[in-house]
Amino acid sequence: MTGKYSGGLRPAGSRLRLFGRFFRYSNERAQQAALAYTTLFQEHEIDPVHGALSFVINRPFVASTLVGATSVRQLQHNVACMEVTLSREILDGIQSIYQRCGTPSS
């Protein structure tokens, strides 16, 4: 959701560069879905990372959320999602994207 993999980029030190097991997240459908979710959050002036984490944290069936932070700075950025409340409009937008894209990594 940070955009660092947009357009097929694989920055040095990133998970997609270091570990081959994450290939399922770099297919074209996954890239299109990530762009759609990122655009939705940005249109509402919400950091895409905060929007995604806020959505996951607020699902009643989720017991814990893995953030995958690789630095203290990234962890602090992720924790800031606790200040985000997603409006009905954003939740409807997420649902619309999901209906269109499904689960693109599967």
PDB file of N, CA and C in Angstrom:
ATOM      1  N   MET A   1       0.809  -1.201   0.000  1.00  0.00           N
ATOM      2  CA  MET A   1       0.000   0.000   0.000  1.00  0.00           C
ATOM      3  C   MET A   1       0.851   1.265   0.000  1.00  0.00           C
ATOM      4  N   THR A   2       2.140   1.124   0.176  1.00  0.00           N
ATOM      5  CA  THR A   2       2.993   2.311   0.171  1.00  0.00           C
ATOM      6  C   THR A   2       3.313   2.778  -1.241  1.00  0.00           C
ATOM      7  N   GLY A   3       3.106   1.919  -2.213  1.00  0.00           N
ATOM      8  CA  GLY A   3       3.409   2.258  -3.587  1.00  0.00           C
ATOM      9  C   GLY A   3       4.821   1.895  -4.013  1.00  0.00           C
ATOM     10  N   LYS A   4       5.596   1.326  -3.104  1.00  0.00           N
ATOM     11  CA  LYS A   4       6.986   1.046  -3.467  1.00  0.00           C
ATOM     12  C   LYS A   4       7.122  -0.047  -4.527  1.00  0.00           C
ATOM     13  N   TYR A   5       6.066  -0.831  -4.759  1.00  0.00           N
ATOM     14  CA  TYR A   5       6.121  -1.873  -5.786  1.00  0.00           C
ATOM     15  C   TYR A   5       5.344  -1.486  -7.053  1.00  0.00           C
ATOM     16  N   SER A   6       4.853  -0.265  -7.108  1.00  0.00           N
ATOM     17  CA  SER A   6       4.061   0.186  -8.261  1.00  0.00           C
ATOM     18  C   SER A   6       4.841   0.024  -9.555  1.00  0.00           C
ATOM     19  N   GLY A   7       4.134  -0.397 -10.575  1.00  0.00           N
ATOM     20  CA  GLY A   7       4.749  -0.535 -11.886  1.00  0.00           C
ATOM     21  C   GLY A   7       5.804  -1.618 -11.961  1.00  0.00           C
ATOM     22  N   GLY A   8       5.741  -2.585 -11.037  1.00  0.00           N
ATOM     23  CA  GLY A   8       6.697  -3.688 -11.064  1.00  0.00           C
ATOM     24  C   GLY A   8       8.021  -3.399 -10.386  1.00  0.00           C
ATOM     25  N   LEU A   9       8.142  -2.271  -9.700  1.00  0.00           N
ATOM     26  CA  LEU A   9       9.387  -1.949  -8.996  1.00  0.00           C
ATOM     27  C   LEU A   9       9.659  -2.975  -7.900  1.00  0.00           C
ATOM     28  N   ARG A  10      10.930  -3.232  -7.657  1.00  0.00           N
ATOM     29  CA  ARG A  10      11.373  -4.120  -6.577  1.00  0.00           C
ATOM     30  C   ARG A  10      12.614  -3.491  -5.944  1.00  0.00           C
ATOM     31  N   PRO A  11      12.414  -2.544  -5.033  1.00  0.00           N
ATOM     32  CA  PRO A  11      13.555  -1.833  -4.448  1.00  0.00           C
ATOM     33  C   PRO A  11      14.513  -2.772  -3.708  1.00  0.00           C
ATOM     34  N   ALA A  12      15.770  -2.400  -3.681  1.00  0.00           N
ATOM     35  CA  ALA A  12      16.772  -3.167  -2.933  1.00  0.00           C
ATOM     36  C   ALA A  12      16.344  -3.272  -1.475  1.00  0.00           C
ATOM     37  N   GLY A  13      16.484  -4.452  -0.907  1.00  0.00           N
ATOM     38  CA  GLY A  13      16.134  -4.680   0.493  1.00  0.00           C
ATOM     39  C   GLY A  13      14.662  -4.952   0.743  1.00  0.00           C
ATOM     40  N   SER A  14      13.824  -4.858  -0.275  1.00  0.00           N
ATOM     41  CA  SER A  14      12.383  -5.100  -0.096  1.00  0.00           C
ATOM     42  C   SER A  14      12.093  -6.600  -0.069  1.00  0.00           C
ATOM     43  N   ARG A  15      10.963  -6.944   0.504  1.00  0.00           N
ATOM     44  CA  ARG A  15      10.586  -8.362   0.594  1.00  0.00           C
ATOM     45  C   ARG A  15      10.502  -9.030  -0.776  1.00  0.00           C
ATOM     46  N   LEU A  16       9.948  -8.323  -1.754  1.00  0.00           N
ATOM     47  CA  LEU A  16       9.817  -8.920  -3.087  1.00  0.00           C
ATOM     48  C   LEU A  16      11.179  -9.162  -3.726  1.00  0.00           C
ATOM     49  N   ARG A  17      12.156  -8.375  -3.360  1.00  0.00           N
ATOM     50  CA  ARG A  17      13.505  -8.583  -3.894  1.00  0.00           C
ATOM     51  C   ARG A  17      14.226  -9.685  -3.111  1.00  0.00           C
ATOM     52  N   LEU A  18      14.027  -9.719  -1.783  1.00  0.00           N
ATOM     53  CA  LEU A  18      14.765 -10.652  -0.935  1.00  0.00           C
ATOM     54  C   LEU A  18      14.184 -12.064  -0.900  1.00  0.00           C
ATOM     55  N   PHE A  19      12.858 -12.173  -1.003  1.00  0.00           N
ATOM     56  CA  PHE A  19      12.208 -13.470  -0.795  1.00  0.00           C
ATOM     57  C   PHE A  19      11.292 -13.795  -1.968  1.00  0.00           C
ATOM     58  N   GLY A  20      11.537 -14.904  -2.612  1.00  0.00           N
ATOM     59  CA  GLY A  20      10.749 -15.308  -3.768  1.00  0.00           C
ATOM     60  C   GLY A  20       9.326 -15.723  -3.461  1.00  0.00           C
ATOM     61  N   ARG A  21       9.028 -15.990  -2.206  1.00  0.00           N
ATOM     62  CA  ARG A  21       7.697 -16.509  -1.873  1.00  0.00           C
ATOM     63  C   ARG A  21       6.577 -15.466  -1.954  1.00  0.00           C
ATOM     64  N   PHE A  22       6.914 -14.227  -2.176  1.00  0.00           N
ATOM     65  CA  PHE A  22       5.903 -13.176  -2.240  1.00  0.00           C
ATOM     66  C   PHE A  22       5.455 -12.861  -3.661  1.00  0.00           C
ATOM     67  N   PHE A  23       5.780 -13.715  -4.606  1.00  0.00           N
ATOM     68  CA  PHE A  23       5.478 -13.455  -6.014  1.00  0.00           C
ATOM     69  C   PHE A  23       3.985 -13.275  -6.273  1.00  0.00           C
ATOM     70  N   ARG A  24       3.142 -13.911  -5.473  1.00  0.00           N
ATOM     71  CA  ARG A  24       1.702 -13.829  -5.746  1.00  0.00           C
ATOM     72  C   ARG A  24       1.146 -12.416  -5.587  1.00  0.00           C
ATOM     73  N   TYR A  25       1.872 -11.553  -4.891  1.00  0.00           N
ATOM     74  CA  TYR A  25       1.416 -10.176  -4.691  1.00  0.00           C
ATOM     75  C   TYR A  25       1.837  -9.240  -5.814  1.00  0.00           C
ATOM     76  N   SER A  26       2.590  -9.751  -6.778  1.00  0.00           N
ATOM     77  CA  SER A  26       3.079  -8.868  -7.828  1.00  0.00           C
ATOM     78  C   SER A  26       2.445  -9.145  -9.188  1.00  0.00           C
ATOM     79  N   ASN A  27       1.381  -9.953  -9.196  1.00  0.00           N
ATOM     80  CA  ASN A  27       0.705 -10.178 -10.475  1.00  0.00           C
ATOM     81  C   ASN A  27      -0.100  -8.926 -10.859  1.00  0.00           C
ATOM     82  N   GLU A  28      -0.519  -8.870 -12.098  1.00  0.00           N
ATOM     83  CA  GLU A  28      -1.194  -7.671 -12.601  1.00  0.00           C
ATOM     84  C   GLU A  28      -2.488  -7.365 -11.843  1.00  0.00           C
ATOM     85  N   ARG A  29      -3.266  -8.384 -11.521  1.00  0.00           N
ATOM     86  CA  ARG A  29      -4.519  -8.156 -10.776  1.00  0.00           C
ATOM     87  C   ARG A  29      -4.237  -7.562  -9.400  1.00  0.00           C
ATOM     88  N   ALA A  30      -3.203  -8.071  -8.725  1.00  0.00           N
ATOM     89  CA  ALA A  30      -2.853  -7.548  -7.404  1.00  0.00           C
ATOM     90  C   ALA A  30      -2.392  -6.098  -7.501  1.00  0.00           C
ATOM     91  N   GLN A  31      -1.629  -5.790  -8.546  1.00  0.00           N
ATOM     92  CA  GLN A  31      -1.172  -4.409  -8.750  1.00  0.00           C
ATOM     93  C   GLN A  31      -2.357  -3.473  -8.995  1.00  0.00           C
ATOM     94  N   GLN A  32      -3.326  -3.924  -9.788  1.00  0.00           N
ATOM     95  CA  GLN A  32      -4.507  -3.100 -10.076  1.00  0.00           C
ATOM     96  C   GLN A  32      -5.338  -2.885  -8.814  1.00  0.00           C
ATOM     97  N   ALA A  33      -5.495  -3.929  -8.013  1.00  0.00           N
ATOM     98  CA  ALA A  33      -6.264  -3.795  -6.774  1.00  0.00           C
ATOM     99  C   ALA A  33      -5.566  -2.839  -5.813  1.00  0.00           C
ATOM    100  N   ALA A  34      -4.263  -2.995  -5.656  1.00  0.00           N
ATOM    101  CA  ALA A  34      -3.513  -2.107  -4.760  1.00  0.00           C
ATOM    102  C   ALA A  34      -3.647  -0.650  -5.202  1.00  0.00           C
ATOM    103  N   LEU A  35      -3.567  -0.414  -6.499  1.00  0.00           N
ATOM    104  CA  LEU A  35      -3.718   0.951  -7.014  1.00  0.00           C
ATOM    105  C   LEU A  35      -5.119   1.488  -6.727  1.00  0.00           C
ATOM    106  N   ALA A  36      -6.131   0.657  -6.892  1.00  0.00           N
ATOM    107  CA  ALA A  36      -7.510   1.097  -6.639  1.00  0.00           C
ATOM    108  C   ALA A  36      -7.713   1.453  -5.167  1.00  0.00           C
ATOM    109  N   TYR A  37      -7.222   0.602  -4.261  1.00  0.00           N
ATOM    110  CA  TYR A  37      -7.358   0.888  -2.828  1.00  0.00           C
ATOM    111  C   TYR A  37      -6.553   2.128  -2.452  1.00  0.00           C
ATOM    112  N   THR A  38      -5.338   2.239  -2.965  1.00  0.00           N
ATOM    113  CA  THR A  38      -4.491   3.397  -2.671  1.00  0.00           C
ATOM    114  C   THR A  38      -5.162   4.679  -3.140  1.00  0.00           C
ATOM    115  N   THR A  39      -5.709   4.662  -4.343  1.00  0.00           N
ATOM    116  CA  THR A  39      -6.390   5.838  -4.891  1.00  0.00           C
ATOM    117  C   THR A  39      -7.590   6.214  -4.033  1.00  0.00           C
ATOM    118  N   LEU A  40      -8.379   5.229  -3.619  1.00  0.00           N
ATOM    119  CA  LEU A  40      -9.543   5.490  -2.768  1.00  0.00           C
ATOM    120  C   LEU A  40      -9.122   6.210  -1.489  1.00  0.00           C
ATOM    121  N   PHE A  41      -8.115   5.677  -0.811  1.00  0.00           N
ATOM    122  CA  PHE A  41      -7.680   6.307   0.439  1.00  0.00           C
ATOM    123  C   PHE A  41      -7.140   7.704   0.197  1.00  0.00           C
ATOM    124  N   GLN A  42      -6.347   7.875  -0.840  1.00  0.00           N
ATOM    125  CA  GLN A  42      -5.781   9.191  -1.127  1.00  0.00           C
ATOM    126  C   GLN A  42      -6.861  10.214  -1.471  1.00  0.00           C
ATOM    127  N   GLU A  43      -7.910   9.790  -2.159  1.00  0.00           N
ATOM    128  CA  GLU A  43      -9.023  10.697  -2.472  1.00  0.00           C
ATOM    129  C   GLU A  43      -9.695  11.218  -1.210  1.00  0.00           C
ATOM    130  N   HIS A  44      -9.580  10.467  -0.129  1.00  0.00           N
ATOM    131  CA  HIS A  44     -10.177  10.854   1.151  1.00  0.00           C
ATOM    132  C   HIS A  44      -9.128  11.373   2.135  1.00  0.00           C
ATOM    133  N   GLU A  45      -7.931  11.674   1.596  1.00  0.00           N
ATOM    134  CA  GLU A  45      -6.829  12.228   2.394  1.00  0.00           C
ATOM    135  C   GLU A  45      -6.440  11.333   3.564  1.00  0.00           C
ATOM    136  N   ILE A  46      -6.424  10.033   3.293  1.00  0.00           N
ATOM    137  CA  ILE A  46      -5.997   9.038   4.280  1.00  0.00           C
ATOM    138  C   ILE A  46      -4.773   8.334   3.732  1.00  0.00           C
ATOM    139  N   ASP A  47      -3.750   8.234   4.550  1.00  0.00           N
ATOM    140  CA  ASP A  47      -2.560   7.492   4.152  1.00  0.00           C
ATOM    141  C   ASP A  47      -2.994   6.057   3.825  1.00  0.00           C
ATOM    142  N   PRO A  48      -2.628   5.529   2.672  1.00  0.00           N
ATOM    143  CA  PRO A  48      -3.074   4.181   2.290  1.00  0.00           C
ATOM    144  C   PRO A  48      -2.706   3.098   3.300  1.00  0.00           C
ATOM    145  N   VAL A  49      -1.551   3.214   3.928  1.00  0.00           N
ATOM    146  CA  VAL A  49      -1.164   2.234   4.950  1.00  0.00           C
ATOM    147  C   VAL A  49      -2.122   2.325   6.133  1.00  0.00           C
ATOM    148  N   HIS A  50      -2.419   3.538   6.566  1.00  0.00           N
ATOM    149  CA  HIS A  50      -3.339   3.727   7.692  1.00  0.00           C
ATOM    150  C   HIS A  50      -4.736   3.224   7.346  1.00  0.00           C
ATOM    151  N   GLY A  51      -5.185   3.499   6.127  1.00  0.00           N
ATOM    152  CA  GLY A  51      -6.510   3.038   5.706  1.00  0.00           C
ATOM    153  C   GLY A  51      -6.604   1.524   5.687  1.00  0.00           C
ATOM    154  N   ALA A  52      -5.600   0.879   5.122  1.00  0.00           N
ATOM    155  CA  ALA A  52      -5.611  -0.585   5.040  1.00  0.00           C
ATOM    156  C   ALA A  52      -5.565  -1.214   6.427  1.00  0.00           C
ATOM    157  N   LEU A  53      -4.670  -0.718   7.275  1.00  0.00           N
ATOM    158  CA  LEU A  53      -4.570  -1.288   8.628  1.00  0.00           C
ATOM    159  C   LEU A  53      -5.825  -1.010   9.441  1.00  0.00           C
ATOM    160  N   SER A  54      -6.386   0.177   9.316  1.00  0.00           N
ATOM    161  CA  SER A  54      -7.621   0.500  10.030  1.00  0.00           C
ATOM    162  C   SER A  54      -8.744  -0.447   9.612  1.00  0.00           C
ATOM    163  N   PHE A  55      -8.840  -0.722   8.313  1.00  0.00           N
ATOM    164  CA  PHE A  55      -9.861  -1.639   7.826  1.00  0.00           C
ATOM    165  C   PHE A  55      -9.687  -3.025   8.452  1.00  0.00           C
ATOM    166  N   VAL A  56      -8.484  -3.538   8.425  1.00  0.00           N
ATOM    167  CA  VAL A  56      -8.236  -4.884   8.959  1.00  0.00           C
ATOM    168  C   VAL A  56      -8.487  -4.938  10.460  1.00  0.00           C
ATOM    169  N   ILE A  57      -7.965  -3.960  11.185  1.00  0.00           N
ATOM    170  CA  ILE A  57      -8.108  -3.951  12.645  1.00  0.00           C
ATOM    171  C   ILE A  57      -9.571  -3.916  13.070  1.00  0.00           C
ATOM    172  N   ASN A  58     -10.409  -3.282  12.280  1.00  0.00           N
ATOM    173  CA  ASN A  58     -11.808  -3.126  12.654  1.00  0.00           C
ATOM    174  C   ASN A  58     -12.729  -4.216  12.120  1.00  0.00           C
ATOM    175  N   ARG A  59     -12.189  -5.295  11.591  1.00  0.00           N
ATOM    176  CA  ARG A  59     -13.008  -6.446  11.195  1.00  0.00           C
ATOM    177  C   ARG A  59     -13.277  -7.278  12.446  1.00  0.00           C
ATOM    178  N   PRO A  60     -14.521  -7.624  12.720  1.00  0.00           N
ATOM    179  CA  PRO A  60     -14.844  -8.346  13.960  1.00  0.00           C
ATOM    180  C   PRO A  60     -14.236  -9.753  14.022  1.00  0.00           C
ATOM    181  N   PHE A  61     -13.860 -10.314  12.908  1.00  0.00           N
ATOM    182  CA  PHE A  61     -13.321 -11.669  12.883  1.00  0.00           C
ATOM    183  C   PHE A  61     -11.789 -11.707  12.932  1.00  0.00           C
ATOM    184  N   VAL A  62     -11.140 -10.548  13.008  1.00  0.00           N
ATOM    185  CA  VAL A  62      -9.678 -10.492  13.053  1.00  0.00           C
ATOM    186  C   VAL A  62      -9.227 -10.403  14.506  1.00  0.00           C
ATOM    187  N   ALA A  63      -8.424 -11.373  14.923  1.00  0.00           N
ATOM    188  CA  ALA A  63      -7.937 -11.397  16.303  1.00  0.00           C
ATOM    189  C   ALA A  63      -6.646 -10.599  16.471  1.00  0.00           C
ATOM    190  N   SER A  64      -5.844 -10.528  15.427  1.00  0.00           N
ATOM    191  CA  SER A  64      -4.607  -9.754  15.482  1.00  0.00           C
ATOM    192  C   SER A  64      -4.232  -9.322  14.070  1.00  0.00           C
ATOM    193  N   THR A  65      -3.407  -8.307  13.986  1.00  0.00           N
ATOM    194  CA  THR A  65      -2.991  -7.773  12.692  1.00  0.00           C
ATOM    195  C   THR A  65      -1.473  -7.788  12.627  1.00  0.00           C
ATOM    196  N   LEU A  66      -0.937  -8.371  11.577  1.00  0.00           N
ATOM    197  CA  LEU A  66       0.507  -8.390  11.367  1.00  0.00           C
ATOM    198  C   LEU A  66       0.873  -7.216  10.469  1.00  0.00           C
ATOM    199  N   VAL A  67       1.810  -6.403  10.922  1.00  0.00           N
ATOM    200  CA  VAL A  67       2.162  -5.229  10.145  1.00  0.00           C
ATOM    201  C   VAL A  67       3.447  -5.408   9.343  1.00  0.00           C
ATOM    202  N   GLY A  68       4.330  -6.278   9.747  1.00  0.00           N
ATOM    203  CA  GLY A  68       5.553  -6.524   8.987  1.00  0.00           C
ATOM    204  C   GLY A  68       6.511  -5.357   8.957  1.00  0.00           C
ATOM    205  N   ALA A  69       6.533  -4.540   9.993  1.00  0.00           N
ATOM    206  CA  ALA A  69       7.447  -3.395  10.038  1.00  0.00           C
ATOM    207  C   ALA A  69       8.890  -3.883  10.111  1.00  0.00           C
ATOM    208  N   THR A  70       9.747  -3.217   9.378  1.00  0.00           N
ATOM    209  CA  THR A  70      11.167  -3.582   9.378  1.00  0.00           C
ATOM    210  C   THR A  70      12.038  -2.521  10.058  1.00  0.00           C
ATOM    211  N   SER A  71      11.398  -1.490  10.615  1.00  0.00           N
ATOM    212  CA  SER A  71      12.139  -0.461  11.347  1.00  0.00           C
ATOM    213  C   SER A  71      11.206   0.151  12.391  1.00  0.00           C
ATOM    214  N   VAL A  72      11.798   0.813  13.376  1.00  0.00           N
ATOM    215  CA  VAL A  72      10.998   1.502  14.396  1.00  0.00           C
ATOM    216  C   VAL A  72      10.169   2.598  13.739  1.00  0.00           C
ATOM    217  N   ARG A  73      10.759   3.296  12.794  1.00  0.00           N
ATOM    218  CA  ARG A  73      10.042   4.368  12.085  1.00  0.00           C
ATOM    219  C   ARG A  73       8.803   3.823  11.379  1.00  0.00           C
ATOM    220  N   GLN A  74       8.957   2.683  10.716  1.00  0.00           N
ATOM    221  CA  GLN A  74       7.824   2.079  10.015  1.00  0.00           C
ATOM    222  C   GLN A  74       6.769   1.609  11.014  1.00  0.00           C
ATOM    223  N   LEU A  75       7.197   1.055  12.123  1.00  0.00           N
ATOM    224  CA  LEU A  75       6.247   0.622  13.156  1.00  0.00           C
ATOM    225  C   LEU A  75       5.470   1.814  13.697  1.00  0.00           C
ATOM    226  N   GLN A  76       6.145   2.918  13.965  1.00  0.00           N
ATOM    227  CA  GLN A  76       5.468   4.120  14.455  1.00  0.00           C
ATOM    228  C   GLN A  76       4.446   4.617  13.429  1.00  0.00           C
ATOM    229  N   HIS A  77       4.816   4.578  12.169  1.00  0.00           N
ATOM    230  CA  HIS A  77       3.897   4.984  11.106  1.00  0.00           C
ATOM    231  C   HIS A  77       2.674   4.075  11.092  1.00  0.00           C
ATOM    232  N   ASN A  78       2.891   2.774  11.216  1.00  0.00           N
ATOM    233  CA  ASN A  78       1.784   1.811  11.208  1.00  0.00           C
ATOM    234  C   ASN A  78       0.846   2.019  12.390  1.00  0.00           C
ATOM    235  N   VAL A  79       1.400   2.243  13.570  1.00  0.00           N
ATOM    236  CA  VAL A  79       0.588   2.408  14.780  1.00  0.00           C
ATOM    237  C   VAL A  79      -0.319   3.636  14.679  1.00  0.00           C
ATOM    238  N   ALA A  80       0.083   4.623  13.902  1.00  0.00           N
ATOM    239  CA  ALA A  80      -0.735   5.829  13.723  1.00  0.00           C
ATOM    240  C   ALA A  80      -2.089   5.520  13.092  1.00  0.00           C
ATOM    241  N   CYS A  81      -2.256   4.321  12.546  1.00  0.00           N
ATOM    242  CA  CYS A  81      -3.549   3.941  11.958  1.00  0.00           C
ATOM    243  C   CYS A  81      -4.655   3.916  12.999  1.00  0.00           C
ATOM    244  N   MET A  82      -4.280   3.827  14.258  1.00  0.00           N
ATOM    245  CA  MET A  82      -5.285   3.772  15.320  1.00  0.00           C
ATOM    246  C   MET A  82      -6.072   5.077  15.415  1.00  0.00           C
ATOM    247  N   GLU A  83      -5.567   6.127  14.814  1.00  0.00           N
ATOM    248  CA  GLU A  83      -6.241   7.431  14.822  1.00  0.00           C
ATOM    249  C   GLU A  83      -7.208   7.593  13.655  1.00  0.00           C
ATOM    250  N   VAL A  84      -7.281   6.585  12.777  1.00  0.00           N
ATOM    251  CA  VAL A  84      -8.085   6.687  11.555  1.00  0.00           C
ATOM    252  C   VAL A  84      -9.435   6.015  11.740  1.00  0.00           C
ATOM    253  N   THR A  85     -10.491   6.716  11.358  1.00  0.00           N
ATOM    254  CA  THR A  85     -11.834   6.149  11.319  1.00  0.00           C
ATOM    255  C   THR A  85     -12.299   6.180   9.873  1.00  0.00           C
ATOM    256  N   LEU A  86     -12.700   5.040   9.365  1.00  0.00           N
ATOM    257  CA  LEU A  86     -13.147   4.950   7.978  1.00  0.00           C
ATOM    258  C   LEU A  86     -14.642   5.249   7.894  1.00  0.00           C
ATOM    259  N   SER A  87     -14.985   6.179   7.040  1.00  0.00           N
ATOM    260  CA  SER A  87     -16.386   6.574   6.859  1.00  0.00           C
ATOM    261  C   SER A  87     -17.141   5.487   6.099  1.00  0.00           C
ATOM    262  N   ARG A  88     -18.462   5.589   6.107  1.00  0.00           N
ATOM    263  CA  ARG A  88     -19.315   4.665   5.347  1.00  0.00           C
ATOM    264  C   ARG A  88     -18.964   4.752   3.861  1.00  0.00           C
ATOM    265  N   GLU A  89     -18.682   5.959   3.380  1.00  0.00           N
ATOM    266  CA  GLU A  89     -18.321   6.137   1.971  1.00  0.00           C
ATOM    267  C   GLU A  89     -17.051   5.360   1.618  1.00  0.00           C
ATOM    268  N   ILE A  90     -16.053   5.413   2.487  1.00  0.00           N
ATOM    269  CA  ILE A  90     -14.809   4.678   2.234  1.00  0.00           C
ATOM    270  C   ILE A  90     -15.056   3.174   2.312  1.00  0.00           C
ATOM    271  N   LEU A  91     -15.819   2.740   3.311  1.00  0.00           N
ATOM    272  CA  LEU A  91     -16.123   1.305   3.439  1.00  0.00           C
ATOM    273  C   LEU A  91     -16.882   0.798   2.216  1.00  0.00           C
ATOM    274  N   ASP A  92     -17.800   1.608   1.706  1.00  0.00           N
ATOM    275  CA  ASP A  92     -18.518   1.231   0.478  1.00  0.00           C
ATOM    276  C   ASP A  92     -17.555   1.158  -0.704  1.00  0.00           C
ATOM    277  N   GLY A  93     -16.611   2.083  -0.756  1.00  0.00           N
ATOM    278  CA  GLY A  93     -15.611   2.066  -1.812  1.00  0.00           C
ATOM    279  C   GLY A  93     -14.737   0.826  -1.756  1.00  0.00           C
ATOM    280  N   ILE A  94     -14.352   0.434  -0.547  1.00  0.00           N
ATOM    281  CA  ILE A  94     -13.566  -0.793  -0.362  1.00  0.00           C
ATOM    282  C   ILE A  94     -14.361  -1.995  -0.855  1.00  0.00           C
ATOM    283  N   GLN A  95     -15.625  -2.048  -0.494  1.00  0.00           N
ATOM    284  CA  GLN A  95     -16.476  -3.157  -0.924  1.00  0.00           C
ATOM    285  C   GLN A  95     -16.605  -3.199  -2.445  1.00  0.00           C
ATOM    286  N   SER A  96     -16.744  -2.037  -3.046  1.00  0.00           N
ATOM    287  CA  SER A  96     -16.861  -1.958  -4.501  1.00  0.00           C
ATOM    288  C   SER A  96     -15.588  -2.474  -5.182  1.00  0.00           C
ATOM    289  N   ILE A  97     -14.441  -2.075  -4.671  1.00  0.00           N
ATOM    290  CA  ILE A  97     -13.174  -2.545  -5.242  1.00  0.00           C
ATOM    291  C   ILE A  97     -13.052  -4.053  -5.053  1.00  0.00           C
ATOM    292  N   TYR A  98     -13.419  -4.531  -3.884  1.00  0.00           N
ATOM    293  CA  TYR A  98     -13.341  -5.978  -3.634  1.00  0.00           C
ATOM    294  C   TYR A  98     -14.249  -6.750  -4.596  1.00  0.00           C
ATOM    295  N   GLN A  99     -15.446  -6.240  -4.819  1.00  0.00           N
ATOM    296  CA  GLN A  99     -16.365  -6.922  -5.752  1.00  0.00           C
ATOM    297  C   GLN A  99     -15.785  -6.944  -7.173  1.00  0.00           C
ATOM    298  N   ARG A 100     -15.069  -5.906  -7.520  1.00  0.00           N
ATOM    299  CA  ARG A 100     -14.481  -5.818  -8.858  1.00  0.00           C
ATOM    300  C   ARG A 100     -13.189  -6.649  -8.977  1.00  0.00           C
ATOM    301  N   CYS A 101     -12.362  -6.629  -7.931  1.00  0.00           N
ATOM    302  CA  CYS A 101     -11.033  -7.264  -8.004  1.00  0.00           C
ATOM    303  C   CYS A 101     -10.952  -8.611  -7.297  1.00  0.00           C
ATOM    304  N   GLY A 102     -11.875  -8.875  -6.368  1.00  0.00           N
ATOM    305  CA  GLY A 102     -11.804 -10.125  -5.608  1.00  0.00           C
ATOM    306  C   GLY A 102     -10.533 -10.203  -4.787  1.00  0.00           C
ATOM    307  N   THR A 103     -10.018 -11.404  -4.650  1.00  0.00           N
ATOM    308  CA  THR A 103      -8.768 -11.633  -3.933  1.00  0.00           C
ATOM    309  C   THR A 103      -7.697 -11.903  -4.994  1.00  0.00           C
ATOM    310  N   PRO A 104      -7.030 -10.853  -5.454  1.00  0.00           N
ATOM    311  CA  PRO A 104      -6.146 -11.006  -6.611  1.00  0.00           C
ATOM    312  C   PRO A 104      -4.868 -11.789  -6.355  1.00  0.00           C
ATOM    313  N   SER A 105      -4.530 -12.020  -5.088  1.00  0.00           N
ATOM    314  CA  SER A 105      -3.287 -12.751  -4.819  1.00  0.00           C
ATOM    315  C   SER A 105      -3.499 -14.264  -4.793  1.00  0.00           C
ATOM    316  N   SER A 106      -4.737 -14.706  -4.962  1.00  0.00           N
ATOM    317  CA  SER A 106      -4.984 -16.154  -4.904  1.00  0.00           C
ATOM    318  C   SER A 106      -5.094 -16.757  -6.275  1.00  0.00           C
TER     319      SER A 106
END
